[in-house]
N, C-alpha and C. Protein backbone atom coordinates (compact mmCIF):
# COMPACT_ATOMS: atom_id res chain seq x y z
N UNK A 1 0.82 -1.20 0.00
CA UNK A 1 0.00 0.00 0.00
C UNK A 1 0.87 1.26 0.00
N UNK A 2 1.99 1.21 0.74
CA UNK A 2 2.87 2.37 0.79
C UNK A 2 3.47 2.67 -0.58
N UNK A 3 3.71 1.63 -1.40
CA UNK A 3 4.26 1.85 -2.74
C UNK A 3 3.26 2.58 -3.63
N UNK A 4 1.99 2.25 -3.47
CA UNK A 4 0.95 2.90 -4.27
C UNK A 4 0.85 4.37 -3.90
N UNK A 5 0.80 4.66 -2.60
CA UNK A 5 0.75 6.06 -2.15
C UNK A 5 1.99 6.83 -2.59
N UNK A 6 3.12 6.20 -2.51
CA UNK A 6 4.36 6.85 -2.93
C UNK A 6 4.33 7.17 -4.42
N UNK A 7 3.77 6.26 -5.22
CA UNK A 7 3.65 6.49 -6.66
C UNK A 7 2.81 7.74 -6.94
N UNK A 8 1.63 7.82 -6.29
CA UNK A 8 0.75 8.96 -6.53
C UNK A 8 1.35 10.27 -6.01
N UNK A 9 2.13 10.21 -4.96
CA UNK A 9 2.77 11.42 -4.44
C UNK A 9 3.86 11.92 -5.38
N UNK A 10 4.57 11.01 -5.99
CA UNK A 10 5.65 11.42 -6.90
C UNK A 10 5.13 11.79 -8.29
N UNK A 11 4.01 11.26 -8.69
CA UNK A 11 3.43 11.52 -10.01
C UNK A 11 2.15 12.36 -9.84
N UNK A 12 2.31 13.60 -9.47
CA UNK A 12 1.17 14.47 -9.17
C UNK A 12 0.36 14.82 -10.41
N UNK A 13 0.99 14.99 -11.53
CA UNK A 13 0.25 15.31 -12.76
C UNK A 13 -0.63 14.13 -13.15
N UNK A 14 -0.08 12.93 -13.12
CA UNK A 14 -0.87 11.73 -13.43
C UNK A 14 -2.03 11.60 -12.46
N UNK A 15 -1.78 11.83 -11.17
CA UNK A 15 -2.83 11.73 -10.15
C UNK A 15 -3.93 12.76 -10.42
N UNK A 16 -3.56 13.96 -10.78
CA UNK A 16 -4.55 15.00 -11.07
C UNK A 16 -5.40 14.65 -12.27
N UNK A 17 -4.77 14.14 -13.32
CA UNK A 17 -5.51 13.74 -14.52
C UNK A 17 -6.45 12.58 -14.20
N UNK A 18 -6.01 11.63 -13.41
CA UNK A 18 -6.84 10.49 -13.03
C UNK A 18 -8.05 10.95 -12.21
N UNK A 19 -7.84 11.83 -11.27
CA UNK A 19 -8.95 12.33 -10.45
C UNK A 19 -9.94 13.11 -11.33
N UNK A 20 -9.43 13.95 -12.21
CA UNK A 20 -10.30 14.70 -13.12
C UNK A 20 -11.11 13.78 -14.02
N UNK A 21 -10.47 12.74 -14.56
CA UNK A 21 -11.17 11.77 -15.40
C UNK A 21 -12.29 11.08 -14.62
N UNK A 22 -12.01 10.64 -13.42
CA UNK A 22 -13.02 9.96 -12.61
C UNK A 22 -14.19 10.89 -12.25
N UNK A 23 -13.90 12.13 -11.95
CA UNK A 23 -14.97 13.08 -11.64
C UNK A 23 -15.87 13.30 -12.85
N UNK A 24 -15.28 13.50 -14.01
CA UNK A 24 -16.07 13.70 -15.22
C UNK A 24 -16.89 12.46 -15.54
N UNK A 25 -16.29 11.29 -15.40
CA UNK A 25 -17.00 10.05 -15.69
C UNK A 25 -18.18 9.85 -14.76
N UNK A 26 -18.02 10.07 -13.47
CA UNK A 26 -19.11 9.91 -12.52
C UNK A 26 -20.19 10.97 -12.71
N UNK A 27 -19.83 12.17 -13.10
CA UNK A 27 -20.84 13.22 -13.30
C UNK A 27 -21.62 12.99 -14.58
N UNK A 28 -20.96 12.52 -15.62
CA UNK A 28 -21.66 12.29 -16.89
C UNK A 28 -22.55 11.07 -16.83
N UNK A 29 -22.06 10.00 -16.29
CA UNK A 29 -22.81 8.75 -16.23
C UNK A 29 -22.68 8.16 -14.84
N UNK A 30 -23.57 8.56 -13.94
CA UNK A 30 -23.46 8.06 -12.57
C UNK A 30 -23.54 6.54 -12.53
N UNK A 31 -22.80 5.89 -11.65
CA UNK A 31 -22.79 4.43 -11.61
C UNK A 31 -24.13 3.84 -11.19
N UNK A 32 -24.86 4.53 -10.36
CA UNK A 32 -26.19 4.06 -9.94
C UNK A 32 -27.18 5.13 -10.37
N UNK A 33 -27.80 4.90 -11.53
CA UNK A 33 -28.71 5.88 -12.10
C UNK A 33 -30.10 5.28 -12.15
N UNK A 34 -31.08 5.88 -11.46
CA UNK A 34 -32.44 5.33 -11.53
C UNK A 34 -33.01 5.48 -12.93
N UNK A 35 -33.52 4.39 -13.48
CA UNK A 35 -34.08 4.41 -14.83
C UNK A 35 -35.59 4.26 -14.84
N UNK A 36 -36.19 4.05 -13.69
CA UNK A 36 -37.64 3.92 -13.60
C UNK A 36 -38.24 5.30 -13.35
N UNK A 37 -39.09 5.79 -14.24
CA UNK A 37 -39.67 7.13 -14.06
C UNK A 37 -40.52 7.25 -12.80
N UNK A 38 -40.97 6.14 -12.22
CA UNK A 38 -41.75 6.19 -10.99
C UNK A 38 -40.86 6.46 -9.78
N UNK A 39 -39.57 6.22 -9.90
CA UNK A 39 -38.63 6.45 -8.82
C UNK A 39 -38.48 7.95 -8.59
N UNK A 40 -38.61 8.42 -7.33
CA UNK A 40 -38.48 9.86 -7.08
C UNK A 40 -37.10 10.41 -7.40
N UNK A 41 -36.08 9.55 -7.50
CA UNK A 41 -34.73 9.99 -7.83
C UNK A 41 -34.47 10.04 -9.34
N UNK A 42 -35.47 9.65 -10.14
CA UNK A 42 -35.32 9.67 -11.60
C UNK A 42 -35.15 11.12 -12.07
N UNK A 43 -34.11 11.36 -12.86
CA UNK A 43 -33.83 12.70 -13.39
C UNK A 43 -34.03 12.65 -14.90
N UNK A 44 -34.98 13.45 -15.40
CA UNK A 44 -35.31 13.41 -16.83
C UNK A 44 -34.13 13.78 -17.72
N UNK A 45 -33.31 14.69 -17.28
CA UNK A 45 -32.19 15.13 -18.13
C UNK A 45 -31.13 14.04 -18.27
N UNK A 46 -31.18 13.00 -17.44
CA UNK A 46 -30.24 11.88 -17.54
C UNK A 46 -30.76 10.76 -18.42
N UNK A 47 -31.96 10.90 -18.99
CA UNK A 47 -32.57 9.82 -19.78
C UNK A 47 -31.74 9.55 -21.03
N UNK A 48 -31.36 8.30 -21.21
CA UNK A 48 -30.68 7.83 -22.42
C UNK A 48 -31.27 6.46 -22.76
N UNK A 49 -31.60 6.25 -24.02
CA UNK A 49 -32.18 4.97 -24.43
C UNK A 49 -31.18 3.85 -24.21
N UNK A 50 -29.89 4.13 -24.32
CA UNK A 50 -28.86 3.10 -24.19
C UNK A 50 -28.85 2.46 -22.80
N UNK A 51 -29.47 3.09 -21.80
CA UNK A 51 -29.48 2.56 -20.44
C UNK A 51 -30.51 1.45 -20.24
N UNK A 52 -31.31 1.15 -21.25
CA UNK A 52 -32.43 0.22 -21.11
C UNK A 52 -32.24 -1.00 -21.99
N UNK A 53 -32.70 -2.13 -21.48
CA UNK A 53 -32.84 -3.31 -22.34
C UNK A 53 -34.18 -3.18 -23.05
N UNK A 54 -34.48 -4.07 -23.97
CA UNK A 54 -35.75 -3.99 -24.70
C UNK A 54 -36.96 -4.08 -23.80
N UNK A 55 -36.96 -5.04 -22.87
CA UNK A 55 -38.12 -5.20 -21.99
C UNK A 55 -38.22 -4.05 -20.98
N UNK A 56 -37.08 -3.55 -20.52
CA UNK A 56 -37.12 -2.42 -19.58
C UNK A 56 -37.66 -1.17 -20.28
N UNK A 57 -37.27 -0.96 -21.53
CA UNK A 57 -37.77 0.18 -22.28
C UNK A 57 -39.27 0.03 -22.54
N UNK A 58 -39.70 -1.19 -22.79
CA UNK A 58 -41.12 -1.44 -23.03
C UNK A 58 -41.95 -1.13 -21.78
N UNK A 59 -41.39 -1.35 -20.60
CA UNK A 59 -42.09 -1.02 -19.35
C UNK A 59 -42.00 0.47 -19.03
N UNK A 60 -40.94 1.13 -19.49
CA UNK A 60 -40.69 2.53 -19.15
C UNK A 60 -41.47 3.50 -20.04
N UNK A 61 -41.57 3.22 -21.32
CA UNK A 61 -42.20 4.15 -22.26
C UNK A 61 -43.63 4.55 -21.88
N UNK A 62 -44.50 3.61 -21.45
CA UNK A 62 -45.85 4.04 -21.06
C UNK A 62 -45.86 4.98 -19.86
N UNK A 63 -44.88 4.85 -18.98
CA UNK A 63 -44.81 5.75 -17.83
C UNK A 63 -44.31 7.13 -18.24
N UNK A 64 -43.37 7.17 -19.19
CA UNK A 64 -42.84 8.45 -19.66
C UNK A 64 -43.83 9.19 -20.55
N UNK A 65 -44.54 8.45 -21.41
CA UNK A 65 -45.40 9.07 -22.41
C UNK A 65 -46.82 8.51 -22.35
N UNK A 66 -47.57 8.82 -21.31
CA UNK A 66 -48.96 8.37 -21.29
C UNK A 66 -49.79 9.13 -22.33
N UNK A 67 -51.01 8.71 -22.56
CA UNK A 67 -51.88 9.40 -23.52
C UNK A 67 -51.99 10.86 -23.11
N UNK A 68 -51.92 11.74 -24.11
CA UNK A 68 -52.04 13.17 -23.86
C UNK A 68 -50.71 13.89 -23.69
N UNK A 69 -49.60 13.16 -23.74
CA UNK A 69 -48.28 13.79 -23.62
C UNK A 69 -48.00 14.64 -24.87
N UNK A 70 -47.53 15.88 -24.72
CA UNK A 70 -47.26 16.72 -25.90
C UNK A 70 -46.10 16.17 -26.75
N UNK A 71 -46.20 16.39 -28.05
CA UNK A 71 -45.17 15.93 -28.99
C UNK A 71 -43.82 16.56 -28.68
N UNK A 72 -43.81 17.81 -28.24
CA UNK A 72 -42.55 18.49 -27.93
C UNK A 72 -41.80 17.76 -26.82
N UNK A 73 -42.51 17.24 -25.83
CA UNK A 73 -41.87 16.50 -24.74
C UNK A 73 -41.32 15.16 -25.24
N UNK A 74 -42.07 14.48 -26.09
CA UNK A 74 -41.61 13.21 -26.66
C UNK A 74 -40.35 13.44 -27.49
N UNK A 75 -40.35 14.49 -28.30
CA UNK A 75 -39.17 14.81 -29.10
C UNK A 75 -37.97 15.14 -28.21
N UNK A 76 -38.20 15.89 -27.16
CA UNK A 76 -37.12 16.24 -26.24
C UNK A 76 -36.50 14.99 -25.62
N UNK A 77 -37.35 14.09 -25.12
CA UNK A 77 -36.84 12.91 -24.42
C UNK A 77 -36.22 11.89 -25.37
N UNK A 78 -36.87 11.60 -26.49
CA UNK A 78 -36.37 10.55 -27.37
C UNK A 78 -35.27 11.01 -28.31
N UNK A 79 -35.37 12.22 -28.84
CA UNK A 79 -34.39 12.67 -29.84
C UNK A 79 -33.22 13.39 -29.17
N UNK A 80 -33.53 14.46 -28.42
CA UNK A 80 -32.44 15.26 -27.85
C UNK A 80 -31.71 14.55 -26.72
N UNK A 81 -32.46 13.93 -25.82
CA UNK A 81 -31.81 13.26 -24.68
C UNK A 81 -31.56 11.79 -24.94
N UNK A 82 -32.48 11.13 -25.61
CA UNK A 82 -32.39 9.69 -25.78
C UNK A 82 -31.45 9.23 -26.88
N UNK A 83 -31.23 10.06 -27.88
CA UNK A 83 -30.32 9.69 -28.96
C UNK A 83 -30.99 9.05 -30.15
N UNK A 84 -32.31 9.11 -30.27
CA UNK A 84 -33.02 8.53 -31.41
C UNK A 84 -33.15 9.57 -32.52
N UNK A 85 -33.53 9.11 -33.69
CA UNK A 85 -33.84 10.02 -34.79
C UNK A 85 -35.33 9.90 -35.10
N UNK A 86 -35.95 11.02 -35.46
CA UNK A 86 -37.39 11.03 -35.73
C UNK A 86 -37.64 11.07 -37.23
N UNK A 87 -38.66 10.31 -37.66
CA UNK A 87 -39.06 10.29 -39.06
C UNK A 87 -40.56 10.53 -39.13
N UNK A 88 -40.96 11.50 -39.92
CA UNK A 88 -42.38 11.83 -40.10
C UNK A 88 -43.01 10.77 -41.01
N UNK A 89 -43.98 10.04 -40.49
CA UNK A 89 -44.66 9.00 -41.27
C UNK A 89 -46.11 9.38 -41.57
N UNK A 90 -46.47 10.67 -41.38
CA UNK A 90 -47.87 11.08 -41.53
C UNK A 90 -48.38 10.98 -42.96
N UNK A 91 -47.47 10.91 -43.94
CA UNK A 91 -47.95 10.75 -45.32
C UNK A 91 -48.50 9.34 -45.56
N UNK A 92 -48.16 8.40 -44.69
CA UNK A 92 -48.65 7.03 -44.83
C UNK A 92 -49.76 6.71 -43.83
N UNK A 93 -49.55 7.11 -42.58
CA UNK A 93 -50.51 6.83 -41.52
C UNK A 93 -50.75 8.12 -40.75
N UNK A 94 -52.00 8.41 -40.50
CA UNK A 94 -52.41 9.65 -39.84
C UNK A 94 -51.73 9.81 -38.48
N UNK A 95 -50.97 10.91 -38.29
CA UNK A 95 -50.39 11.25 -37.01
C UNK A 95 -49.20 10.42 -36.56
N UNK A 96 -48.59 9.63 -37.44
CA UNK A 96 -47.53 8.70 -37.04
C UNK A 96 -46.13 9.28 -37.22
N UNK A 97 -45.34 9.16 -36.17
CA UNK A 97 -43.92 9.50 -36.22
C UNK A 97 -43.15 8.27 -35.74
N UNK A 98 -42.07 7.96 -36.43
CA UNK A 98 -41.23 6.82 -36.04
C UNK A 98 -39.95 7.37 -35.42
N UNK A 99 -39.63 6.88 -34.23
CA UNK A 99 -38.39 7.25 -33.56
C UNK A 99 -37.49 6.01 -33.60
N UNK A 100 -36.33 6.15 -34.21
CA UNK A 100 -35.45 4.99 -34.42
C UNK A 100 -34.16 5.21 -33.66
N UNK A 101 -33.79 4.20 -32.88
CA UNK A 101 -32.55 4.26 -32.09
C UNK A 101 -31.64 3.12 -32.51
N UNK A 102 -30.46 3.46 -33.00
CA UNK A 102 -29.44 2.47 -33.36
C UNK A 102 -28.33 2.57 -32.34
N UNK A 103 -28.12 1.55 -31.50
CA UNK A 103 -27.12 1.66 -30.44
C UNK A 103 -25.74 2.05 -30.95
N UNK A 104 -25.17 1.28 -31.84
CA UNK A 104 -23.88 1.58 -32.47
C UNK A 104 -24.01 1.11 -33.90
N UNK A 105 -23.62 1.92 -34.83
CA UNK A 105 -23.82 1.53 -36.23
C UNK A 105 -22.61 0.75 -36.76
N UNK A 106 -22.48 -0.47 -36.29
CA UNK A 106 -21.49 -1.40 -36.81
C UNK A 106 -22.22 -2.61 -37.37
N UNK A 107 -21.58 -3.35 -38.21
CA UNK A 107 -22.27 -4.46 -38.88
C UNK A 107 -22.72 -5.56 -37.94
N UNK A 108 -22.10 -5.71 -36.76
CA UNK A 108 -22.47 -6.81 -35.87
C UNK A 108 -23.40 -6.39 -34.74
N UNK A 109 -23.87 -5.15 -34.74
CA UNK A 109 -24.77 -4.70 -33.68
C UNK A 109 -26.20 -5.15 -33.98
N UNK A 110 -27.04 -5.19 -32.94
CA UNK A 110 -28.42 -5.61 -33.16
C UNK A 110 -29.19 -4.59 -33.99
N UNK A 111 -30.34 -5.02 -34.47
CA UNK A 111 -31.18 -4.12 -35.25
C UNK A 111 -31.57 -2.90 -34.44
N UNK A 112 -31.93 -1.86 -35.13
CA UNK A 112 -32.35 -0.63 -34.47
C UNK A 112 -33.70 -0.85 -33.78
N UNK A 113 -33.90 -0.12 -32.70
CA UNK A 113 -35.20 -0.14 -32.02
C UNK A 113 -36.08 0.92 -32.65
N UNK A 114 -37.32 0.56 -32.88
CA UNK A 114 -38.28 1.49 -33.50
C UNK A 114 -39.43 1.72 -32.53
N UNK A 115 -39.68 2.98 -32.26
CA UNK A 115 -40.78 3.39 -31.40
C UNK A 115 -41.72 4.21 -32.27
N UNK A 116 -42.92 3.71 -32.52
CA UNK A 116 -43.90 4.43 -33.32
C UNK A 116 -44.86 5.15 -32.38
N UNK A 117 -44.98 6.46 -32.56
CA UNK A 117 -45.87 7.27 -31.73
C UNK A 117 -46.93 7.87 -32.64
N UNK A 118 -48.19 7.71 -32.25
CA UNK A 118 -49.31 8.24 -33.00
C UNK A 118 -49.86 9.44 -32.24
N UNK A 119 -49.98 10.58 -32.96
CA UNK A 119 -50.41 11.82 -32.33
C UNK A 119 -51.81 12.20 -32.81
N UNK A 120 -52.54 12.88 -31.95
CA UNK A 120 -53.84 13.44 -32.31
C UNK A 120 -53.59 14.72 -33.11
N UNK A 121 -54.63 15.33 -33.70
CA UNK A 121 -54.42 16.56 -34.47
C UNK A 121 -53.83 17.71 -33.63
N UNK A 122 -54.01 17.70 -32.33
CA UNK A 122 -53.43 18.75 -31.49
C UNK A 122 -52.06 18.35 -30.92
N UNK A 123 -51.40 17.37 -31.57
CA UNK A 123 -50.03 16.92 -31.23
C UNK A 123 -49.90 16.38 -29.81
N UNK A 124 -50.84 15.56 -29.41
CA UNK A 124 -50.78 14.85 -28.13
C UNK A 124 -50.71 13.35 -28.44
N UNK A 125 -50.02 12.60 -27.60
CA UNK A 125 -49.87 11.16 -27.82
C UNK A 125 -51.24 10.48 -27.75
N UNK A 126 -51.56 9.73 -28.80
CA UNK A 126 -52.77 8.91 -28.82
C UNK A 126 -52.43 7.44 -28.55
N UNK A 127 -51.31 6.99 -29.09
CA UNK A 127 -50.89 5.60 -28.94
C UNK A 127 -49.39 5.50 -29.14
N UNK A 128 -48.83 4.41 -28.60
CA UNK A 128 -47.39 4.19 -28.71
C UNK A 128 -47.16 2.72 -28.99
N UNK A 129 -46.35 2.44 -30.00
CA UNK A 129 -46.08 1.07 -30.41
C UNK A 129 -44.58 0.81 -30.26
N UNK A 130 -44.25 -0.28 -29.57
CA UNK A 130 -42.85 -0.69 -29.43
C UNK A 130 -42.81 -2.20 -29.44
N UNK A 131 -41.91 -2.77 -30.18
CA UNK A 131 -41.81 -4.23 -30.24
C UNK A 131 -43.00 -4.87 -30.91
N UNK A 132 -43.55 -4.20 -31.91
CA UNK A 132 -44.69 -4.71 -32.70
C UNK A 132 -45.95 -4.89 -31.89
N UNK A 133 -46.09 -4.13 -30.81
CA UNK A 133 -47.35 -4.14 -30.07
C UNK A 133 -47.58 -2.77 -29.44
N UNK A 134 -48.85 -2.42 -29.33
CA UNK A 134 -49.19 -1.14 -28.73
C UNK A 134 -49.04 -1.26 -27.22
N UNK A 135 -48.25 -0.35 -26.63
CA UNK A 135 -48.05 -0.38 -25.18
C UNK A 135 -48.74 0.80 -24.50
N UNK A 136 -49.19 1.76 -25.28
CA UNK A 136 -50.05 2.83 -24.78
C UNK A 136 -51.28 2.81 -25.68
N UNK A 137 -52.46 2.72 -25.08
CA UNK A 137 -53.72 2.63 -25.82
C UNK A 137 -53.73 1.39 -26.71
N UNK A 138 -53.80 0.23 -26.07
CA UNK A 138 -53.70 -1.06 -26.77
C UNK A 138 -54.78 -1.26 -27.83
N UNK A 139 -55.91 -0.58 -27.72
CA UNK A 139 -57.02 -0.77 -28.67
C UNK A 139 -56.97 0.20 -29.85
N UNK A 140 -55.90 0.95 -29.98
CA UNK A 140 -55.78 1.96 -31.04
C UNK A 140 -55.70 1.29 -32.40
N UNK A 141 -56.42 1.84 -33.35
CA UNK A 141 -56.38 1.35 -34.74
C UNK A 141 -55.83 2.47 -35.62
N UNK A 142 -54.63 2.31 -36.17
CA UNK A 142 -54.06 3.36 -37.03
C UNK A 142 -54.94 3.61 -38.25
N UNK A 143 -55.02 4.88 -38.64
CA UNK A 143 -55.81 5.26 -39.81
C UNK A 143 -54.85 5.69 -40.92
N UNK A 144 -55.12 5.19 -42.11
CA UNK A 144 -54.30 5.62 -43.25
C UNK A 144 -54.51 7.11 -43.49
N UNK A 145 -53.49 7.77 -43.97
CA UNK A 145 -53.60 9.19 -44.29
C UNK A 145 -54.57 9.36 -45.44
N UNK A 146 -55.35 10.43 -45.39
CA UNK A 146 -56.31 10.71 -46.44
C UNK A 146 -55.57 11.34 -47.60
N UNK A 147 -55.73 10.72 -48.81
CA UNK A 147 -55.02 11.21 -49.99
C UNK A 147 -56.02 11.45 -51.12
N UNK A 148 -55.67 12.34 -52.05
CA UNK A 148 -56.51 12.55 -53.21
C UNK A 148 -56.17 11.51 -54.29
N UNK A 149 -56.71 11.67 -55.47
CA UNK A 149 -56.51 10.68 -56.54
C UNK A 149 -55.06 10.62 -57.03
N UNK A 150 -54.31 11.71 -56.83
CA UNK A 150 -52.89 11.73 -57.25
C UNK A 150 -51.97 11.16 -56.20
N UNK A 151 -52.50 10.72 -55.09
CA UNK A 151 -51.68 10.16 -54.02
C UNK A 151 -51.07 11.22 -53.11
N UNK A 152 -51.57 12.46 -53.21
CA UNK A 152 -51.07 13.55 -52.38
C UNK A 152 -51.91 13.63 -51.11
N UNK A 153 -51.24 13.77 -49.98
CA UNK A 153 -51.93 13.82 -48.69
C UNK A 153 -52.78 15.07 -48.59
N UNK A 154 -54.02 14.89 -48.11
CA UNK A 154 -54.93 16.01 -47.89
C UNK A 154 -54.96 16.28 -46.39
N UNK A 155 -54.74 17.54 -46.02
CA UNK A 155 -54.73 17.89 -44.59
C UNK A 155 -56.11 18.08 -44.06
């Protein structure tokens, strides 16, 4: 033990860099981070999709985005904080946006996760689909977008 202490005393620059690295690492990604939104210690600004397994995310999404949640909040949590990309699907299905999360884009990584969110005309969550099943508003039936004879969407 004395050799270790002696090393850190003689190598002060290395010790300072190590302490700084550990502080930044713990502040950016705390080792014990509550991921359940029902937990009073859950911090929304720490939300990252990468912290969840598929089943954990499936249990978490209905708590984060119940029916009536504004689209701006969903975009903030899934795109800005979560790391997903949003795709407007309203030309195919009324009110549908697809949020796609690819953990790491390498050839051996798993497929991307797709979260389909259906919004009402006032941009509130009507239904949420993850893992090929509706987890918010299970009885929701998607409606095709209304199009004219040329295939152009009518608002």
